Amino acid sequence: MPVLYHFSEEPGIPVFEPRTMPSRPEITVPLVWAIDEPHQFMYLFPRDCPRILLWPLPTTTDDERDRWFGRTEARALAHIEYGWLERLRTARLYRYEMPEAAPGASDDARFVSLDDAGMWVSRAAVVPSRVDVIDDPIEALRDQGVELRVLDRLTPLRGLWESTTLHWSSIRMRNALDWDAPVGGTVPPSIRSMMD
């Protein structure tokens, strides 16, 4: 299992209890969520900060790579709104490392991959094995090879995912200016099996 993290703006969380997500009503089973180490940059933001992240896939065309990445050596792009820049600058984040399940632990106590941008879930409560403080999320993004792009609004990127060969992830879009995003989505097969 890869190294997994859970990010929070709250210090000193002794245990992560499974919970449902109001923003994802289609997922009815309580879960603890984690992100793998290579994708941790997706959560180097204040929790409610709307963001759109892009990175190349093996199938990404040269034209799209050039269009979006140009001459940058970044491995990913993170788009936020100017209204969130100061909150990002001053955020203090806590990166909780999630332990591997103990040998012989029940399946509920193990993290399961969603096979989607490094996301993992567990049905059992999780006691973090350590916590690191991140006082400069912008520098942490730079260290992860992520270029931050700040826009007045994220709405010009709406619909990008319908035509791009890049990977895209959008997070907390309900907080973006003028973003009338639909609620809900599809349930990953690994979660669907937990709900059966």
Protein backbone atom coordinates (compact mmCIF):
# COMPACT_ATOMS: atom_id res chain seq x y z
CA MET A 1 0.00 0.00 0.00
CA PRO A 2 1.37 3.48 -0.79
CA VAL A 3 1.85 6.17 1.83
CA LEU A 4 -1.55 7.77 2.44
CA TYR A 5 -2.46 11.13 3.95
CA HIS A 6 -5.48 13.05 5.14
CA PHE A 7 -5.22 16.85 5.12
CA SER A 8 -7.02 19.14 7.56
CA GLU A 9 -6.90 22.66 8.92
CA GLU A 10 -7.67 21.18 12.34
CA PRO A 11 -4.74 20.24 14.61
CA GLY A 12 -4.62 17.31 16.99
CA ILE A 13 -7.18 14.96 15.46
CA PRO A 14 -6.72 11.75 17.48
CA VAL A 15 -8.91 9.51 15.30
CA PHE A 16 -10.69 9.81 11.96
CA GLU A 17 -14.20 8.42 12.20
CA PRO A 18 -15.99 7.26 9.05
CA ARG A 19 -18.62 9.74 7.89
CA THR A 20 -20.88 10.43 4.97
CA MET A 21 -20.34 13.48 2.78
CA PRO A 22 -23.23 15.91 2.29
CA SER A 23 -21.59 16.98 -0.98
CA ARG A 24 -21.75 13.39 -2.27
CA PRO A 25 -25.25 12.14 -1.30
CA GLU A 26 -24.96 9.27 -3.76
CA ILE A 27 -22.32 7.70 -1.46
CA THR A 28 -24.36 6.39 1.46
CA VAL A 29 -21.70 4.44 3.36
CA PRO A 30 -19.60 6.32 6.00
CA LEU A 31 -15.92 6.42 5.01
CA VAL A 32 -12.52 7.78 6.00
CA TRP A 33 -10.88 9.36 2.94
CA ALA A 34 -7.16 9.50 2.16
CA ILE A 35 -4.93 10.56 -0.73
CA ASP A 36 -1.75 8.83 -1.85
CA GLU A 37 1.62 10.56 -1.71
CA PRO A 38 1.98 11.34 -5.45
CA HIS A 39 -1.41 13.09 -5.51
CA GLN A 40 -1.17 14.89 -2.16
CA PHE A 41 -0.78 18.24 -3.93
CA MET A 42 -4.53 18.18 -4.60
CA TYR A 43 -5.10 18.90 -0.89
CA LEU A 44 -2.44 21.55 -0.24
CA PHE A 45 -5.26 24.10 -0.03
CA PRO A 46 -7.72 25.35 2.58
CA ARG A 47 -10.49 22.76 2.75
CA ASP A 48 -13.19 24.89 1.12
CA CYS A 49 -10.98 26.43 -1.58
CA PRO A 50 -12.42 25.69 -5.03
CA ARG A 51 -9.75 24.44 -7.40
CA ILE A 52 -9.25 22.76 -10.73
CA LEU A 53 -6.14 20.64 -11.17
CA LEU A 54 -4.73 19.37 -14.46
CA TRP A 55 -1.90 17.03 -15.33
CA PRO A 56 -0.78 15.06 -18.38
CA LEU A 57 -1.65 11.44 -18.92
CA PRO A 58 0.21 8.99 -21.18
CA THR A 59 -2.59 9.62 -23.70
CA THR A 60 -2.35 13.43 -23.55
CA THR A 61 -1.69 14.93 -26.98
CA ASP A 62 1.38 17.07 -27.63
CA ASP A 63 -0.89 19.92 -28.73
CA GLU A 64 -2.76 19.93 -25.42
CA ARG A 65 0.41 19.61 -23.40
CA ASP A 66 1.84 22.62 -25.26
CA ARG A 67 -1.41 24.59 -24.97
CA TRP A 68 -1.74 24.17 -21.21
CA PHE A 69 1.82 23.68 -20.01
CA GLY A 70 3.83 25.63 -22.59
CA ARG A 71 7.42 25.83 -21.41
CA THR A 72 6.71 25.18 -17.73
CA GLU A 73 8.39 22.16 -16.18
CA ALA A 74 5.52 21.72 -13.73
CA ARG A 75 4.04 18.24 -13.48
CA ALA A 76 0.59 19.66 -12.70
CA LEU A 77 -1.36 22.92 -12.82
CA ALA A 78 -3.58 24.19 -10.01
CA HIS A 79 -6.16 26.88 -10.78
CA ILE A 80 -7.77 28.94 -7.99
CA GLU A 81 -9.62 32.24 -7.77
CA TYR A 82 -7.98 35.49 -6.59
CA GLY A 83 -10.50 35.61 -3.76
CA TRP A 84 -8.81 32.54 -2.25
CA LEU A 85 -5.18 33.56 -2.73
CA GLU A 86 -4.73 35.27 0.65
CA ARG A 87 -6.41 32.37 2.45
CA LEU A 88 -4.05 29.98 0.69
CA ARG A 89 -1.06 32.15 1.60
CA THR A 90 -1.96 32.22 5.30
CA ALA A 91 -3.35 28.69 5.68
CA ARG A 92 -1.82 26.28 8.15
CA LEU A 93 -2.45 22.69 7.11
CA TYR A 94 -1.98 19.46 9.00
CA ARG A 95 -0.97 16.41 7.00
CA TYR A 96 -1.98 13.26 8.87
CA GLU A 97 -0.27 10.07 7.77
CA MET A 98 -2.59 7.08 7.66
CA PRO A 99 -1.19 3.78 8.94
CA GLU A 100 -1.27 0.53 7.05
CA ALA A 101 -3.82 -1.88 8.48
CA ALA A 102 -2.35 -4.28 11.02
CA PRO A 103 -1.75 -7.85 9.83
CA GLY A 104 -4.95 -9.85 10.19
CA ALA A 105 -7.14 -6.74 10.31
CA SER A 106 -10.63 -7.07 8.89
CA ASP A 107 -11.33 -5.88 5.36
CA ASP A 108 -13.25 -2.92 6.84
CA ALA A 109 -10.03 -1.73 8.53
CA ARG A 110 -8.06 -1.65 5.28
CA PHE A 111 -7.86 1.22 2.85
CA VAL A 112 -9.22 0.44 -0.62
CA SER A 113 -8.12 2.28 -3.74
CA LEU A 114 -10.80 4.06 -5.77
CA ASP A 115 -8.51 3.89 -8.82
CA ASP A 116 -9.17 7.60 -9.25
CA ALA A 117 -6.44 10.23 -8.81
CA GLY A 118 -4.87 8.59 -5.77
CA MET A 119 -8.03 8.43 -3.62
CA TRP A 120 -8.40 5.68 -1.00
CA VAL A 121 -11.16 4.94 1.53
CA SER A 122 -11.64 2.91 4.69
CA ARG A 123 -14.87 1.89 6.41
CA ALA A 124 -13.20 1.75 9.83
CA ALA A 125 -11.99 4.49 12.17
CA VAL A 126 -8.32 5.34 11.62
CA VAL A 127 -5.76 6.56 14.15
CA PRO A 128 -3.11 8.60 12.32
CA SER A 129 0.47 7.45 12.72
CA ARG A 130 1.97 10.97 12.55
CA VAL A 131 1.17 14.57 11.65
CA ASP A 132 3.21 17.21 9.82
CA VAL A 133 2.47 20.94 9.85
CA ILE A 134 2.50 22.80 6.54
CA ASP A 135 2.86 26.55 7.15
CA ASP A 136 3.42 27.57 3.53
CA PRO A 137 1.07 25.74 1.15
CA ILE A 138 2.27 27.74 -1.87
CA GLU A 139 5.85 26.64 -1.26
CA ALA A 140 4.62 23.08 -0.67
CA LEU A 141 2.87 23.18 -4.06
CA ARG A 142 6.11 24.40 -5.66
CA ASP A 143 8.02 21.58 -3.94
CA GLN A 144 5.51 19.12 -5.43
CA GLY A 145 6.15 20.46 -8.94
CA VAL A 146 2.75 22.17 -9.19
CA GLU A 147 2.33 25.55 -10.88
CA LEU A 148 -0.30 27.75 -9.25
CA ARG A 149 -2.45 29.79 -11.64
CA VAL A 150 -4.76 32.41 -10.18
CA LEU A 151 -7.87 33.54 -12.10
CA ASP A 152 -10.65 36.01 -11.38
CA ARG A 153 -13.11 33.12 -11.74
CA LEU A 154 -12.83 29.43 -12.53
CA THR A 155 -15.87 29.51 -14.83
CA PRO A 156 -13.77 29.85 -18.03
CA LEU A 157 -12.58 26.29 -17.30
CA ARG A 158 -16.12 24.91 -17.09
CA GLY A 159 -16.60 22.00 -19.50
CA LEU A 160 -12.88 21.46 -19.99
CA TRP A 161 -13.25 17.85 -18.91
CA GLU A 162 -15.57 17.12 -21.81
CA SER A 163 -12.83 17.60 -24.38
CA THR A 164 -9.40 17.36 -22.78
CA THR A 165 -6.86 14.55 -22.93
CA LEU A 166 -5.37 15.84 -19.66
CA HIS A 167 -6.44 14.45 -16.30
CA TRP A 168 -8.63 16.98 -14.48
CA SER A 169 -9.89 17.12 -10.94
CA SER A 170 -12.25 19.74 -9.55
CA ILE A 171 -12.67 20.15 -5.80
CA ARG A 172 -15.12 22.28 -3.78
CA MET A 173 -16.56 23.87 -6.90
CA ARG A 174 -19.75 24.74 -5.01
CA ASN A 175 -17.64 27.55 -3.48
CA ALA A 176 -16.48 28.96 -6.84
CA LEU A 177 -17.93 32.22 -8.13
CA ASP A 178 -20.90 31.76 -10.48
CA TRP A 179 -20.42 27.99 -10.64
CA ASP A 180 -23.79 26.28 -10.80
CA ALA A 181 -22.40 22.79 -10.45
CA PRO A 182 -24.75 19.83 -10.23
CA VAL A 183 -24.79 17.97 -6.92
CA GLY A 184 -23.73 14.34 -6.90
CA GLY A 185 -21.93 12.15 -9.36
CA THR A 186 -21.11 8.55 -10.05
CA VAL A 187 -20.19 6.09 -7.34
CA PRO A 188 -16.80 4.40 -7.89
CA PRO A 189 -17.14 0.60 -8.20
CA SER A 190 -15.05 -0.03 -5.06
CA ILE A 191 -17.45 2.11 -2.99
CA ARG A 192 -20.50 0.63 -4.69
CA SER A 193 -19.37 -2.82 -3.49
CA MET A 194 -19.21 -1.45 0.09
CA MET A 195 -22.77 -0.17 -0.23
CA ASP A 196 -24.20 -3.54 -1.38
